[in-house]
Amino acid sequence: QVQLVESGGGLVQAGGSLRLSCVASGRTFSTFGMGWFRQAPGKEREFVAAINWNGASIYYADSVKGRFTISRDRASNTVFLQMTNLKSEDTAVYYCAASKFRNPTTTWAADFYSWGPGTQVTVSS
């Protein structure tokens, strides 16, 4: 089982930037892909970005493409989500998740089996 803890959320003005971090423990970091999801009040959890085990394969939701960057650091067992040009519609609780696969290819939450507690991102307009 993988334990995940997110950090880096906060309040930011529209157009600003934030960097989220997610530290993984409990399993060898290089054996699974990682993803970021978000959930806004009253809405379903939605996919944001995913990265495979070695960082060579990355994909994004259309809504964040060109603004968000996912990356991972093996030395610190951490996956990052750099968010730029933030918009009010990016306001949500952001969750990192461990994929069931070394090379995730879907946006389905069911393909991710461990979740962090989440970190709140609020973008003011």
N, C-alpha and C. Protein backbone atom coordinates (compact mmCIF):
# COMPACT_ATOMS: atom_id res chain seq x y z
N GLN A 1 0.84 -1.19 0.00
CA GLN A 1 0.00 0.00 0.00
C GLN A 1 0.88 1.24 0.00
N VAL A 2 0.44 2.25 -0.71
CA VAL A 2 1.17 3.51 -0.80
C VAL A 2 0.48 4.56 0.05
N GLN A 3 1.25 5.29 0.83
CA GLN A 3 0.71 6.43 1.57
C GLN A 3 1.14 7.71 0.86
N LEU A 4 0.18 8.63 0.73
CA LEU A 4 0.42 9.86 -0.02
C LEU A 4 0.00 11.07 0.82
N VAL A 5 0.81 12.11 0.78
CA VAL A 5 0.48 13.34 1.49
C VAL A 5 0.76 14.52 0.58
N GLU A 6 -0.27 15.31 0.31
CA GLU A 6 -0.13 16.50 -0.54
C GLU A 6 0.18 17.74 0.31
N SER A 7 0.79 18.72 -0.34
CA SER A 7 1.01 20.02 0.28
C SER A 7 1.14 21.07 -0.81
N GLY A 8 1.12 22.33 -0.41
CA GLY A 8 1.35 23.41 -1.37
C GLY A 8 0.12 24.18 -1.79
N GLY A 9 -1.05 23.75 -1.34
CA GLY A 9 -2.25 24.48 -1.70
C GLY A 9 -2.32 25.83 -0.99
N GLY A 10 -3.29 26.63 -1.39
CA GLY A 10 -3.45 27.94 -0.76
C GLY A 10 -4.37 28.83 -1.56
N LEU A 11 -4.36 30.10 -1.19
CA LEU A 11 -5.17 31.11 -1.85
C LEU A 11 -4.27 31.93 -2.78
N VAL A 12 -4.70 32.09 -4.02
CA VAL A 12 -3.90 32.82 -5.00
C VAL A 12 -4.85 33.62 -5.90
N GLN A 13 -4.36 34.72 -6.41
CA GLN A 13 -5.17 35.52 -7.33
C GLN A 13 -5.16 34.91 -8.72
N ALA A 14 -6.20 35.19 -9.46
CA ALA A 14 -6.25 34.73 -10.84
C ALA A 14 -5.02 35.21 -11.60
N GLY A 15 -4.46 34.32 -12.41
CA GLY A 15 -3.22 34.61 -13.12
C GLY A 15 -1.97 34.22 -12.38
N GLY A 16 -2.12 33.86 -11.11
CA GLY A 16 -0.98 33.48 -10.29
C GLY A 16 -0.59 32.03 -10.47
N SER A 17 0.37 31.60 -9.64
CA SER A 17 0.93 30.25 -9.74
C SER A 17 0.99 29.59 -8.37
N LEU A 18 0.94 28.29 -8.37
CA LEU A 18 1.16 27.47 -7.18
C LEU A 18 1.86 26.19 -7.60
N ARG A 19 2.60 25.62 -6.67
CA ARG A 19 3.24 24.33 -6.91
C ARG A 19 2.80 23.36 -5.83
N LEU A 20 2.12 22.32 -6.24
CA LEU A 20 1.70 21.28 -5.31
C LEU A 20 2.74 20.16 -5.28
N SER A 21 2.87 19.58 -4.09
CA SER A 21 3.78 18.45 -3.91
C SER A 21 3.01 17.29 -3.30
N CYS A 22 3.47 16.09 -3.59
CA CYS A 22 2.87 14.88 -3.03
C CYS A 22 3.99 13.90 -2.75
N VAL A 23 4.18 13.59 -1.47
CA VAL A 23 5.22 12.66 -1.06
C VAL A 23 4.62 11.27 -0.89
N ALA A 24 5.27 10.28 -1.48
CA ALA A 24 4.80 8.90 -1.41
C ALA A 24 5.71 8.08 -0.51
N SER A 25 5.11 7.12 0.20
CA SER A 25 5.87 6.20 1.04
C SER A 25 5.17 4.86 1.06
N GLY A 26 5.93 3.83 1.45
CA GLY A 26 5.32 2.51 1.62
C GLY A 26 5.53 1.56 0.47
N ARG A 27 6.05 2.06 -0.62
CA ARG A 27 6.28 1.21 -1.80
C ARG A 27 7.34 1.88 -2.66
N THR A 28 8.12 1.10 -3.38
CA THR A 28 9.18 1.65 -4.22
C THR A 28 8.59 2.60 -5.26
N PHE A 29 9.03 3.86 -5.21
CA PHE A 29 8.40 4.92 -5.98
C PHE A 29 8.43 4.68 -7.48
N SER A 30 9.47 4.00 -7.94
CA SER A 30 9.63 3.84 -9.39
C SER A 30 8.81 2.69 -9.96
N THR A 31 7.94 2.09 -9.16
CA THR A 31 7.17 0.94 -9.65
C THR A 31 5.74 1.30 -10.05
N PHE A 32 5.37 2.56 -9.95
CA PHE A 32 3.99 2.91 -10.28
C PHE A 32 3.90 4.32 -10.83
N GLY A 33 2.88 4.53 -11.68
CA GLY A 33 2.61 5.87 -12.16
C GLY A 33 1.85 6.67 -11.11
N MET A 34 1.73 7.98 -11.37
CA MET A 34 1.07 8.87 -10.42
C MET A 34 0.12 9.80 -11.17
N GLY A 35 -0.86 10.30 -10.45
CA GLY A 35 -1.80 11.23 -11.07
C GLY A 35 -2.25 12.30 -10.10
N TRP A 36 -2.80 13.35 -10.68
CA TRP A 36 -3.45 14.41 -9.91
C TRP A 36 -4.91 14.50 -10.38
N PHE A 37 -5.80 14.61 -9.40
CA PHE A 37 -7.22 14.83 -9.65
C PHE A 37 -7.65 16.04 -8.83
N ARG A 38 -8.83 16.55 -9.12
CA ARG A 38 -9.37 17.64 -8.32
C ARG A 38 -10.88 17.50 -8.22
N GLN A 39 -11.40 18.11 -7.15
CA GLN A 39 -12.85 18.08 -6.93
C GLN A 39 -13.30 19.43 -6.41
N ALA A 40 -14.15 20.08 -7.17
CA ALA A 40 -14.72 21.36 -6.77
C ALA A 40 -16.03 21.10 -6.03
N PRO A 41 -16.47 22.05 -5.21
CA PRO A 41 -17.71 21.86 -4.46
C PRO A 41 -18.88 21.56 -5.39
N GLY A 42 -19.62 20.51 -5.06
CA GLY A 42 -20.79 20.15 -5.83
C GLY A 42 -20.51 19.46 -7.14
N LYS A 43 -19.23 19.16 -7.40
CA LYS A 43 -18.88 18.53 -8.68
C LYS A 43 -18.18 17.19 -8.43
N GLU A 44 -18.12 16.39 -9.48
CA GLU A 44 -17.44 15.10 -9.39
C GLU A 44 -15.92 15.31 -9.45
N ARG A 45 -15.21 14.33 -8.90
CA ARG A 45 -13.75 14.37 -8.98
C ARG A 45 -13.36 14.24 -10.45
N GLU A 46 -12.40 15.07 -10.89
CA GLU A 46 -11.99 15.02 -12.29
C GLU A 46 -10.49 14.88 -12.41
N PHE A 47 -10.10 14.25 -13.48
CA PHE A 47 -8.69 14.04 -13.78
C PHE A 47 -8.02 15.35 -14.15
N VAL A 48 -6.75 15.50 -13.72
CA VAL A 48 -5.97 16.68 -14.06
C VAL A 48 -4.74 16.30 -14.89
N ALA A 49 -3.93 15.37 -14.38
CA ALA A 49 -2.69 15.01 -15.07
C ALA A 49 -2.18 13.68 -14.55
N ALA A 50 -1.37 13.02 -15.35
CA ALA A 50 -0.76 11.76 -14.93
C ALA A 50 0.63 11.64 -15.52
N ILE A 51 1.46 10.85 -14.85
CA ILE A 51 2.85 10.66 -15.26
C ILE A 51 3.21 9.20 -15.01
N ASN A 52 3.99 8.62 -15.91
CA ASN A 52 4.33 7.22 -15.73
C ASN A 52 5.51 7.07 -14.76
N TRP A 53 5.97 5.85 -14.58
CA TRP A 53 6.92 5.54 -13.52
C TRP A 53 8.25 6.28 -13.63
N ASN A 54 8.69 6.59 -14.85
CA ASN A 54 10.00 7.26 -14.99
C ASN A 54 9.88 8.67 -15.56
N GLY A 55 8.67 9.18 -15.68
CA GLY A 55 8.48 10.55 -16.15
C GLY A 55 8.51 10.72 -17.65
N ALA A 56 8.62 9.62 -18.39
CA ALA A 56 8.74 9.72 -19.85
C ALA A 56 7.40 9.90 -20.54
N SER A 57 6.33 9.54 -19.89
CA SER A 57 5.00 9.64 -20.48
C SER A 57 4.10 10.48 -19.58
N ILE A 58 3.54 11.53 -20.13
CA ILE A 58 2.73 12.49 -19.37
C ILE A 58 1.51 12.85 -20.21
N TYR A 59 0.37 13.03 -19.54
CA TYR A 59 -0.80 13.53 -20.25
C TYR A 59 -1.65 14.36 -19.29
N TYR A 60 -2.45 15.26 -19.92
CA TYR A 60 -3.20 16.25 -19.15
C TYR A 60 -4.66 16.30 -19.61
N ALA A 61 -5.49 16.79 -18.71
CA ALA A 61 -6.84 17.17 -19.09
C ALA A 61 -6.75 18.39 -20.01
N ASP A 62 -7.67 18.49 -20.95
CA ASP A 62 -7.64 19.62 -21.88
C ASP A 62 -7.74 20.96 -21.15
N SER A 63 -8.46 20.97 -20.04
CA SER A 63 -8.70 22.22 -19.32
C SER A 63 -7.44 22.80 -18.69
N VAL A 64 -6.41 22.00 -18.52
CA VAL A 64 -5.18 22.50 -17.87
C VAL A 64 -3.97 22.44 -18.80
N LYS A 65 -4.14 21.88 -19.97
CA LYS A 65 -3.01 21.73 -20.89
C LYS A 65 -2.42 23.10 -21.21
N GLY A 66 -1.10 23.18 -21.15
CA GLY A 66 -0.42 24.45 -21.41
C GLY A 66 -0.27 25.33 -20.19
N ARG A 67 -0.97 25.01 -19.10
CA ARG A 67 -0.88 25.81 -17.87
C ARG A 67 -0.30 25.02 -16.71
N PHE A 68 -0.55 23.72 -16.66
CA PHE A 68 -0.08 22.87 -15.57
C PHE A 68 1.02 21.95 -16.08
N THR A 69 1.96 21.63 -15.19
CA THR A 69 3.04 20.71 -15.51
C THR A 69 3.20 19.70 -14.38
N ILE A 70 3.13 18.43 -14.72
CA ILE A 70 3.36 17.37 -13.74
C ILE A 70 4.78 16.86 -13.89
N SER A 71 5.41 16.54 -12.77
CA SER A 71 6.76 15.98 -12.80
C SER A 71 6.95 15.12 -11.57
N ARG A 72 8.03 14.36 -11.55
CA ARG A 72 8.31 13.52 -10.39
C ARG A 72 9.80 13.48 -10.13
N ASP A 73 10.13 13.31 -8.85
CA ASP A 73 11.52 13.25 -8.43
C ASP A 73 11.74 11.96 -7.65
N ARG A 74 12.54 11.07 -8.22
CA ARG A 74 12.76 9.77 -7.59
C ARG A 74 13.49 9.88 -6.28
N ALA A 75 14.42 10.81 -6.18
CA ALA A 75 15.25 10.92 -4.97
C ALA A 75 14.41 11.27 -3.74
N SER A 76 13.35 12.05 -3.95
CA SER A 76 12.53 12.48 -2.81
C SER A 76 11.17 11.81 -2.78
N ASN A 77 10.92 10.85 -3.68
CA ASN A 77 9.63 10.16 -3.74
C ASN A 77 8.47 11.14 -3.85
N THR A 78 8.64 12.16 -4.68
CA THR A 78 7.66 13.24 -4.74
C THR A 78 7.19 13.45 -6.18
N VAL A 79 5.91 13.71 -6.30
CA VAL A 79 5.35 14.14 -7.57
C VAL A 79 4.85 15.57 -7.39
N PHE A 80 5.06 16.38 -8.41
CA PHE A 80 4.74 17.79 -8.35
C PHE A 80 3.67 18.15 -9.38
N LEU A 81 2.94 19.22 -9.07
CA LEU A 81 2.04 19.80 -10.06
C LEU A 81 2.27 21.31 -10.03
N GLN A 82 2.97 21.80 -11.05
CA GLN A 82 3.20 23.23 -11.18
C GLN A 82 2.01 23.82 -11.93
N MET A 83 1.36 24.77 -11.30
CA MET A 83 0.15 25.37 -11.87
C MET A 83 0.41 26.85 -12.13
N THR A 84 0.23 27.27 -13.36
CA THR A 84 0.42 28.67 -13.73
C THR A 84 -0.85 29.23 -14.37
N ASN A 85 -0.90 30.55 -14.48
CA ASN A 85 -2.06 31.21 -15.08
C ASN A 85 -3.37 30.64 -14.51
N LEU A 86 -3.43 30.59 -13.20
CA LEU A 86 -4.59 29.98 -12.54
C LEU A 86 -5.86 30.79 -12.78
N LYS A 87 -6.96 30.06 -12.88
CA LYS A 87 -8.27 30.66 -13.13
C LYS A 87 -9.21 30.29 -11.98
N SER A 88 -10.28 31.04 -11.84
CA SER A 88 -11.22 30.77 -10.75
C SER A 88 -11.78 29.35 -10.86
N GLU A 89 -11.91 28.86 -12.07
CA GLU A 89 -12.45 27.50 -12.24
C GLU A 89 -11.47 26.40 -11.84
N ASP A 90 -10.26 26.78 -11.50
CA ASP A 90 -9.29 25.81 -10.97
C ASP A 90 -9.47 25.59 -9.47
N THR A 91 -10.33 26.38 -8.84
CA THR A 91 -10.58 26.23 -7.41
C THR A 91 -11.15 24.85 -7.11
N ALA A 92 -10.48 24.11 -6.23
CA ALA A 92 -10.88 22.74 -5.92
C ALA A 92 -9.96 22.19 -4.85
N VAL A 93 -10.33 21.03 -4.33
CA VAL A 93 -9.40 20.24 -3.54
C VAL A 93 -8.63 19.35 -4.52
N TYR A 94 -7.32 19.39 -4.42
CA TYR A 94 -6.47 18.62 -5.33
C TYR A 94 -5.94 17.39 -4.61
N TYR A 95 -6.04 16.25 -5.28
CA TYR A 95 -5.61 14.97 -4.73
C TYR A 95 -4.54 14.34 -5.62
N CYS A 96 -3.51 13.78 -5.00
CA CYS A 96 -2.62 12.94 -5.77
C CYS A 96 -3.03 11.49 -5.56
N ALA A 97 -2.67 10.65 -6.51
CA ALA A 97 -3.09 9.26 -6.46
C ALA A 97 -2.03 8.40 -7.11
N ALA A 98 -1.90 7.18 -6.61
CA ALA A 98 -0.98 6.20 -7.17
C ALA A 98 -1.73 5.33 -8.18
N SER A 99 -1.14 5.18 -9.35
CA SER A 99 -1.77 4.37 -10.39
C SER A 99 -1.57 2.88 -10.10
N LYS A 100 -2.49 2.08 -10.60
CA LYS A 100 -2.35 0.62 -10.52
C LYS A 100 -1.29 0.13 -11.51
N PHE A 101 -0.85 1.01 -12.39
CA PHE A 101 0.05 0.63 -13.48
C PHE A 101 1.31 1.48 -13.49
N ARG A 102 2.38 0.90 -13.99
CA ARG A 102 3.61 1.69 -14.16
C ARG A 102 3.42 2.76 -15.23
N ASN A 103 2.60 2.44 -16.21
CA ASN A 103 2.37 3.36 -17.33
C ASN A 103 0.87 3.64 -17.47
N PRO A 104 0.34 4.53 -16.66
CA PRO A 104 -1.09 4.83 -16.77
C PRO A 104 -1.41 5.45 -18.12
N THR A 105 -2.61 5.14 -18.63
CA THR A 105 -3.02 5.66 -19.93
C THR A 105 -4.43 6.25 -19.91
N THR A 106 -5.12 6.12 -18.79
CA THR A 106 -6.50 6.59 -18.75
C THR A 106 -6.65 7.76 -17.79
N THR A 107 -7.85 8.34 -17.82
CA THR A 107 -8.19 9.42 -16.88
C THR A 107 -9.16 8.92 -15.81
N TRP A 108 -9.33 7.63 -15.72
CA TRP A 108 -10.32 7.05 -14.82
C TRP A 108 -9.79 6.96 -13.39
N ALA A 109 -10.52 7.48 -12.44
CA ALA A 109 -10.13 7.39 -11.04
C ALA A 109 -10.01 5.94 -10.58
N ALA A 110 -10.79 5.05 -11.17
CA ALA A 110 -10.76 3.63 -10.79
C ALA A 110 -9.43 2.97 -11.08
N ASP A 111 -8.62 3.58 -11.96
CA ASP A 111 -7.30 3.03 -12.27
C ASP A 111 -6.24 3.50 -11.29
N PHE A 112 -6.64 4.26 -10.29
CA PHE A 112 -5.73 4.75 -9.25
C PHE A 112 -6.22 4.22 -7.92
N TYR A 113 -5.33 3.66 -7.11
CA TYR A 113 -5.79 2.89 -5.95
C TYR A 113 -5.44 3.48 -4.60
N SER A 114 -4.56 4.47 -4.54
CA SER A 114 -4.25 5.12 -3.27
C SER A 114 -4.40 6.62 -3.46
N TRP A 115 -4.97 7.26 -2.45
CA TRP A 115 -5.24 8.68 -2.55
C TRP A 115 -4.73 9.41 -1.32
N GLY A 116 -4.24 10.64 -1.54
CA GLY A 116 -3.89 11.48 -0.41
C GLY A 116 -5.13 12.15 0.15
N PRO A 117 -4.98 12.87 1.27
CA PRO A 117 -6.12 13.54 1.90
C PRO A 117 -6.56 14.79 1.15
N GLY A 118 -5.71 15.31 0.25
CA GLY A 118 -6.09 16.48 -0.53
C GLY A 118 -5.53 17.77 0.01
N THR A 119 -5.40 18.75 -0.86
CA THR A 119 -4.96 20.09 -0.48
C THR A 119 -5.83 21.10 -1.23
N GLN A 120 -6.29 22.11 -0.51
CA GLN A 120 -7.23 23.07 -1.08
C GLN A 120 -6.48 24.13 -1.89
N VAL A 121 -6.99 24.38 -3.10
CA VAL A 121 -6.51 25.47 -3.94
C VAL A 121 -7.69 26.40 -4.20
N THR A 122 -7.51 27.66 -3.85
CA THR A 122 -8.56 28.64 -4.06
C THR A 122 -8.00 29.79 -4.90
N VAL A 123 -8.66 30.05 -6.02
CA VAL A 123 -8.22 31.11 -6.93
C VAL A 123 -9.27 32.22 -6.89
N SER A 124 -8.83 33.38 -6.47
CA SER A 124 -9.76 34.52 -6.39
C SER A 124 -9.68 35.34 -7.68
N SER A 125 -10.83 35.80 -8.12
CA SER A 125 -10.88 36.58 -9.38
C SER A 125 -10.92 38.07 -9.11
